[in-house]
């Protein structure tokens, strides 16, 4: 069955009602949906809903909820990815794959060697769309949160106050392996194309954020993030 995300406010008793024109167009013109067709709909709760299409017009779609089932594909480990900003196409890809793997939250970070300095409103909307579509595709029932851009100093201060393991991937670390992390909650830092400076690593250590190795090879920033998440999740 095709899966869709719709916000909780669209759930009204036994029905799900939406005026989302993009969804309506997808149902009518792409999927050529008919009355009685079944779909899975989720709303950021722990469940997904088997729903039957009962009305479809140019301005509104209405589903009847016929069953509720628990989401079975959410990982138990909660990971916040503090990802330094990358060039747009790389960040698109990274967000998509991070969501597929099961990241809980993505915090874009501006660190010393970042080429990109901020995220425009247009790019943020695109990233949010990528998160929604990736969650629909991979079977998740909760949309990972996308935070607003913060600088590295603010990021390590924030992470330092959170529970669980606090890790920063660094190519010069040789002893502590990422796989050694044993906690359910993890705050994970991945640097930009140019990596982290020595000063940034020292500042992170002062906030009890532990440098970890991802292996002997030097990885691109976007590869490092996905390799780390795959190893942890």
Protein backbone atom coordinates (compact mmCIF):
# COMPACT_ATOMS: atom_id res chain seq x y z
CA UNK A 1 0.00 0.00 0.00
CA UNK A 2 1.11 3.56 -0.67
CA UNK A 3 1.94 5.55 2.48
CA UNK A 4 1.28 9.21 3.25
CA UNK A 5 2.04 11.56 6.10
CA UNK A 6 -0.76 13.91 7.17
CA UNK A 7 -0.68 16.18 10.24
CA UNK A 8 -2.70 15.21 13.36
CA UNK A 9 -5.20 18.03 12.76
CA UNK A 10 -6.38 16.21 9.60
CA UNK A 11 -7.60 13.30 11.75
CA UNK A 12 -11.24 13.86 12.68
CA UNK A 13 -12.88 10.96 14.45
CA UNK A 14 -13.07 8.01 12.06
CA UNK A 15 -11.99 10.13 9.10
CA UNK A 16 -8.87 11.78 7.72
CA UNK A 17 -9.65 14.92 5.70
CA UNK A 18 -7.08 16.96 3.76
CA UNK A 19 -7.03 19.91 1.37
CA UNK A 20 -3.40 19.29 0.39
CA UNK A 21 -3.44 19.94 -3.37
CA UNK A 22 -0.17 18.10 -3.91
CA UNK A 23 -1.60 14.96 -2.30
CA UNK A 24 -4.86 15.33 -4.19
CA UNK A 25 -2.96 15.63 -7.48
CA UNK A 26 -0.85 12.57 -6.65
CA UNK A 27 -3.92 10.50 -5.85
CA UNK A 28 -5.92 11.63 -8.87
CA UNK A 29 -3.33 11.93 -11.63
CA UNK A 30 -0.36 9.79 -10.59
CA UNK A 31 -1.94 6.90 -8.69
CA UNK A 32 -5.35 7.22 -10.40
CA UNK A 33 -6.93 6.31 -7.08
CA UNK A 34 -10.55 5.20 -6.89
CA UNK A 35 -13.11 5.08 -4.12
CA UNK A 36 -12.42 2.06 -1.94
CA UNK A 37 -8.66 2.03 -2.52
CA UNK A 38 -6.65 1.50 0.66
CA UNK A 39 -3.65 3.49 1.87
CA UNK A 40 -1.46 3.71 4.97
CA UNK A 41 -1.51 7.13 6.65
CA UNK A 42 0.64 8.20 9.60
CA UNK A 43 0.59 11.38 11.69
CA UNK A 44 3.76 11.49 13.83
CA UNK A 45 2.30 9.22 16.50
CA UNK A 46 3.51 5.70 17.20
CA UNK A 47 0.87 4.24 14.86
CA UNK A 48 -0.12 4.09 11.23
CA UNK A 49 -3.68 3.86 9.97
CA UNK A 50 -5.11 1.64 7.26
CA UNK A 51 -7.45 4.04 5.47
CA UNK A 52 -9.96 3.71 2.67
CA UNK A 53 -10.52 6.46 0.11
CA UNK A 54 -14.17 7.58 0.31
CA UNK A 55 -14.11 11.03 -1.36
CA UNK A 56 -11.76 12.71 -3.84
CA UNK A 57 -12.48 16.08 -5.43
CA UNK A 58 -10.30 18.85 -6.83
CA UNK A 59 -10.10 20.50 -3.42
CA UNK A 60 -10.47 17.76 -0.82
CA UNK A 61 -9.67 14.12 -0.09
CA UNK A 62 -11.36 12.06 2.60
CA UNK A 63 -10.27 8.70 4.01
CA UNK A 64 -12.15 6.38 6.35
CA UNK A 65 -9.92 4.81 9.03
CA UNK A 66 -10.54 1.07 9.03
CA UNK A 67 -7.63 -0.13 11.18
CA UNK A 68 -4.84 1.17 13.41
CA UNK A 69 -1.52 -0.65 13.80
CA UNK A 70 1.70 0.11 15.66
CA UNK A 71 4.67 1.37 13.66
CA UNK A 72 7.17 -1.46 13.59
CA UNK A 73 10.14 0.16 11.86
CA UNK A 74 11.23 2.91 14.26
CA UNK A 75 14.65 2.21 15.85
CA UNK A 76 14.88 2.11 19.64
CA UNK A 77 18.08 4.18 19.60
CA UNK A 78 17.50 7.96 19.36
CA UNK A 79 20.22 9.79 17.46
CA UNK A 80 20.58 13.52 16.98
CA UNK A 81 22.87 14.27 14.04
CA UNK A 82 24.75 17.56 14.41
CA UNK A 83 25.74 17.86 10.77
CA UNK A 84 27.98 20.67 9.57
CA UNK A 85 26.56 22.41 6.51
CA UNK A 86 27.44 20.97 3.10
CA UNK A 87 26.81 22.06 -0.46
CA UNK A 88 23.12 21.86 -1.32
CA UNK A 89 23.04 18.68 -3.42
CA UNK A 90 25.15 16.80 -0.85
CA UNK A 91 22.92 17.96 2.00
CA UNK A 92 19.81 16.84 0.07
CA UNK A 93 21.25 13.35 -0.30
CA UNK A 94 22.51 13.18 3.28
CA UNK A 95 19.12 14.14 4.75
CA UNK A 96 17.30 11.58 2.63
CA UNK A 97 19.60 8.72 3.62
CA UNK A 98 19.79 9.75 7.29
CA UNK A 99 16.00 9.64 7.47
CA UNK A 100 15.87 6.25 5.76
CA UNK A 101 18.31 4.89 8.34
CA UNK A 102 16.27 6.20 11.28
CA UNK A 103 17.83 9.44 12.59
CA UNK A 104 15.60 11.21 15.15
CA UNK A 105 16.75 14.81 14.73
CA UNK A 106 19.01 16.72 12.36
CA UNK A 107 20.73 19.89 13.55
CA UNK A 108 22.53 21.85 10.77
CA UNK A 109 25.72 23.37 12.18
CA UNK A 110 27.92 26.17 10.90
CA UNK A 111 31.52 25.23 11.77
CA UNK A 112 34.87 26.79 10.88
CA UNK A 113 35.51 25.14 7.50
CA UNK A 114 31.93 25.19 6.20
CA UNK A 115 31.58 26.55 2.67
CA UNK A 116 27.83 27.03 3.11
CA UNK A 117 26.93 29.43 5.91
CA UNK A 118 23.14 29.18 6.24
CA UNK A 119 19.97 27.56 4.90
CA UNK A 120 17.50 29.74 3.00
CA UNK A 121 13.75 29.45 3.53
CA UNK A 122 13.43 27.78 0.13
CA UNK A 123 16.09 25.19 0.93
CA UNK A 124 14.55 24.50 4.32
CA UNK A 125 11.18 23.81 2.68
CA UNK A 126 12.91 21.40 0.26
CA UNK A 127 14.66 19.62 3.13
CA UNK A 128 11.34 19.26 4.99
CA UNK A 129 9.77 17.76 1.85
CA UNK A 130 12.68 15.32 1.56
CA UNK A 131 12.18 14.28 5.20
CA UNK A 132 8.46 13.66 4.65
CA UNK A 133 8.96 11.70 1.42
CA UNK A 134 11.81 9.63 2.87
CA UNK A 135 9.75 8.75 5.95
CA UNK A 136 6.83 7.71 3.75
CA UNK A 137 9.13 5.55 1.65
CA UNK A 138 11.02 3.80 4.45
CA UNK A 139 8.05 2.83 6.62
CA UNK A 140 8.68 5.22 9.49
CA UNK A 141 5.82 6.74 11.49
CA UNK A 142 7.61 9.76 12.97
CA UNK A 143 9.11 12.61 10.97
CA UNK A 144 12.64 13.42 12.16
CA UNK A 145 12.93 16.98 13.41
CA UNK A 146 14.94 19.49 11.37
CA UNK A 147 16.37 22.21 13.60
CA UNK A 148 17.45 25.66 12.49
CA UNK A 149 21.12 26.37 11.80
CA UNK A 150 23.28 27.02 14.85
CA UNK A 151 27.00 27.69 15.14
CA UNK A 152 29.44 25.10 16.43
CA UNK A 153 29.87 26.73 19.84
CA UNK A 154 26.12 26.74 20.43
CA UNK A 155 25.84 23.15 19.16
CA UNK A 156 28.41 21.72 21.58
CA UNK A 157 26.89 23.68 24.45
CA UNK A 158 23.47 22.25 23.62
CA UNK A 159 24.71 18.67 23.18
CA UNK A 160 26.76 18.88 26.37
CA UNK A 161 23.55 19.34 28.37
CA UNK A 162 21.77 16.35 26.83
CA UNK A 163 21.77 12.78 28.07
CA UNK A 164 23.43 9.78 26.45
CA UNK A 165 26.69 9.48 24.53
CA UNK A 166 28.16 12.59 22.92
CA UNK A 167 30.44 11.76 19.99
CA UNK A 168 32.35 13.71 17.37
CA UNK A 169 33.84 11.93 14.35
CA UNK A 170 37.49 12.92 13.84
CA UNK A 171 39.98 11.48 11.40
CA UNK A 172 42.87 11.85 13.87
CA UNK A 173 41.23 9.71 16.54
CA UNK A 174 42.56 6.13 16.51
CA UNK A 175 41.47 4.49 19.77
CA UNK A 176 37.80 5.08 20.56
CA UNK A 177 35.60 3.44 17.94
CA UNK A 178 32.10 4.61 17.16
CA UNK A 179 30.78 1.09 17.78
CA UNK A 180 31.84 1.36 21.44
CA UNK A 181 28.87 3.63 22.15
CA UNK A 182 26.40 1.61 24.21
CA UNK A 183 23.68 4.12 25.15
CA UNK A 184 20.22 4.46 23.62
CA UNK A 185 20.52 8.25 23.17
CA UNK A 186 23.40 9.58 21.08
CA UNK A 187 24.43 13.09 20.05
CA UNK A 188 26.63 12.66 16.96
CA UNK A 189 28.77 15.39 15.35
CA UNK A 190 29.93 15.11 11.72
CA UNK A 191 32.08 17.83 10.18
CA UNK A 192 32.00 19.66 6.82
CA UNK A 193 34.02 19.03 3.65
CA UNK A 194 37.09 20.54 5.31
CA UNK A 195 36.72 18.66 8.58
CA UNK A 196 37.06 20.10 12.09
CA UNK A 197 39.86 22.33 13.33
CA UNK A 198 42.02 21.32 16.29
CA UNK A 199 40.41 24.17 18.25
CA UNK A 200 36.92 22.83 17.58
CA UNK A 201 37.89 19.34 18.73
CA UNK A 202 39.37 20.75 21.95
CA UNK A 203 36.24 22.81 22.56
CA UNK A 204 34.12 19.69 22.04
CA UNK A 205 36.25 17.70 24.49
CA UNK A 206 35.74 20.44 27.08
CA UNK A 207 32.00 19.80 26.75
CA UNK A 208 32.52 16.04 27.33
CA UNK A 209 32.01 15.27 23.64
CA UNK A 210 34.24 12.32 22.80
CA UNK A 211 36.20 12.06 19.51
CA UNK A 212 35.62 8.74 17.72
CA UNK A 213 37.08 7.01 14.69
CA UNK A 214 34.99 5.73 11.79
CA UNK A 215 37.82 3.53 10.56
CA UNK A 216 41.18 3.92 8.84
CA UNK A 217 39.94 5.51 5.63
CA UNK A 218 39.23 9.21 5.17
CA UNK A 219 35.58 9.61 4.21
CA UNK A 220 33.75 12.46 2.53
CA UNK A 221 31.53 14.36 4.97
CA UNK A 222 28.27 12.99 3.56
CA UNK A 223 29.68 9.44 3.48
CA UNK A 224 30.90 9.76 7.07
CA UNK A 225 27.43 10.70 8.31
CA UNK A 226 25.71 7.79 6.61
CA UNK A 227 28.42 5.28 7.56
CA UNK A 228 28.19 6.38 11.20
CA UNK A 229 24.40 6.20 11.30
CA UNK A 230 24.36 2.80 9.64
CA UNK A 231 26.86 1.51 12.20
CA UNK A 232 24.86 2.85 15.12
CA UNK A 233 21.37 1.98 13.91
